[in-house]
């Protein structure tokens, strides 16, 4: 009726944490590889941009990514996303 093995729960928690740490390390490595491929191929997938209203120094009709600081016309950030995913898939980065 009573569980006398007090270390079992602690070991299970430690094992679960270890597994989660390994999984997070794999995800971090995959993310780093994806961002490296994006940098190498001059692709921005962040999707968080400022425009001329937020950043008056930007040319009208252009946006700047808040993360990688890429400045391109509005259409590039909107329309080039599908083409960028296709290029990343062809390169084996996705």
Protein backbone atom coordinates (compact mmCIF):
# COMPACT_ATOMS: atom_id res chain seq x y z
CA UNK A 1 0.00 0.00 0.00
CA UNK A 2 2.85 2.41 0.78
CA UNK A 3 5.74 3.15 -1.51
CA UNK A 4 8.89 2.64 0.51
CA UNK A 5 11.28 3.41 -2.34
CA UNK A 6 11.62 7.17 -1.90
CA UNK A 7 14.39 7.52 -4.49
CA UNK A 8 12.32 6.23 -7.40
CA UNK A 9 10.37 9.46 -7.88
CA UNK A 10 13.52 11.57 -7.64
CA UNK A 11 15.28 9.39 -10.21
CA UNK A 12 12.30 9.56 -12.56
CA UNK A 13 12.23 13.36 -12.30
CA UNK A 14 15.98 13.56 -12.95
CA UNK A 15 15.66 11.25 -15.98
CA UNK A 16 12.77 13.30 -17.37
CA UNK A 17 14.76 16.53 -16.94
CA UNK A 18 17.76 14.97 -18.66
CA UNK A 19 15.60 13.83 -21.59
CA UNK A 20 14.05 17.31 -21.84
CA UNK A 21 17.52 18.91 -21.81
CA UNK A 22 18.66 16.62 -24.65
CA UNK A 23 15.54 17.41 -26.67
CA UNK A 24 16.00 21.15 -26.11
CA UNK A 25 19.64 20.92 -27.21
CA UNK A 26 18.54 19.19 -30.43
CA UNK A 27 15.92 21.89 -31.08
CA UNK A 28 18.46 24.65 -30.39
CA UNK A 29 20.92 23.07 -32.83
CA UNK A 30 18.23 22.77 -35.51
CA UNK A 31 17.22 26.41 -35.00
CA UNK A 32 20.83 27.56 -35.17
CA UNK A 33 21.34 25.62 -38.40
CA UNK A 34 18.17 27.11 -39.89
CA UNK A 35 19.18 30.68 -39.01
CA UNK A 36 22.70 30.07 -40.36
CA UNK A 37 21.20 28.85 -43.64
CA UNK A 38 18.92 31.91 -43.73
CA UNK A 39 21.87 34.23 -43.20
CA UNK A 40 23.91 32.46 -45.86
CA UNK A 41 21.03 32.58 -48.38
CA UNK A 42 20.01 36.15 -47.46
CA UNK A 43 16.56 35.02 -46.27
CA UNK A 44 14.48 36.52 -43.44
CA UNK A 45 11.73 34.40 -41.90
CA UNK A 46 11.24 36.41 -38.71
CA UNK A 47 8.18 38.31 -39.89
CA UNK A 48 8.46 41.02 -37.23
CA UNK A 49 9.07 44.25 -39.07
CA UNK A 50 9.03 48.01 -38.66
CA UNK A 51 7.95 50.31 -41.46
CA UNK A 52 8.26 54.00 -42.31
CA UNK A 53 5.65 54.91 -39.67
CA UNK A 54 7.68 53.31 -36.88
CA UNK A 55 11.09 54.10 -38.35
CA UNK A 56 11.03 57.37 -40.33
CA UNK A 57 14.61 56.76 -41.52
CA UNK A 58 13.38 53.84 -43.68
CA UNK A 59 12.46 54.63 -47.28
CA UNK A 60 8.73 54.72 -47.93
CA UNK A 61 7.43 51.33 -48.98
CA UNK A 62 10.25 49.49 -47.19
CA UNK A 63 10.29 47.50 -43.97
CA UNK A 64 13.07 46.43 -41.62
CA UNK A 65 13.17 43.18 -39.68
CA UNK A 66 13.52 43.79 -35.95
CA UNK A 67 15.82 40.79 -35.57
CA UNK A 68 18.17 40.54 -38.55
CA UNK A 69 17.78 44.23 -39.56
CA UNK A 70 17.15 43.32 -43.22
CA UNK A 71 15.55 46.24 -45.11
CA UNK A 72 13.43 45.35 -48.12
CA UNK A 73 10.25 46.49 -49.87
CA UNK A 74 6.99 45.49 -48.22
CA UNK A 75 6.24 42.98 -50.98
CA UNK A 76 9.49 41.14 -50.33
CA UNK A 77 8.53 40.36 -46.74
CA UNK A 78 5.02 39.35 -47.81
CA UNK A 79 5.53 37.55 -51.12
CA UNK A 80 9.03 36.12 -50.83
CA UNK A 81 8.21 33.99 -47.78
CA UNK A 82 6.88 31.03 -49.81
CA UNK A 83 9.85 31.22 -52.19
CA UNK A 84 12.20 31.40 -49.20
CA UNK A 85 10.71 28.25 -47.66
CA UNK A 86 11.08 26.48 -51.01
CA UNK A 87 14.74 27.53 -51.27
CA UNK A 88 15.42 26.32 -47.72
CA UNK A 89 13.74 22.97 -48.46
CA UNK A 90 15.81 22.55 -51.62
CA UNK A 91 18.95 23.29 -49.63
CA UNK A 92 17.96 20.69 -47.02
CA UNK A 93 17.75 23.23 -44.20
CA UNK A 94 14.12 22.39 -43.36
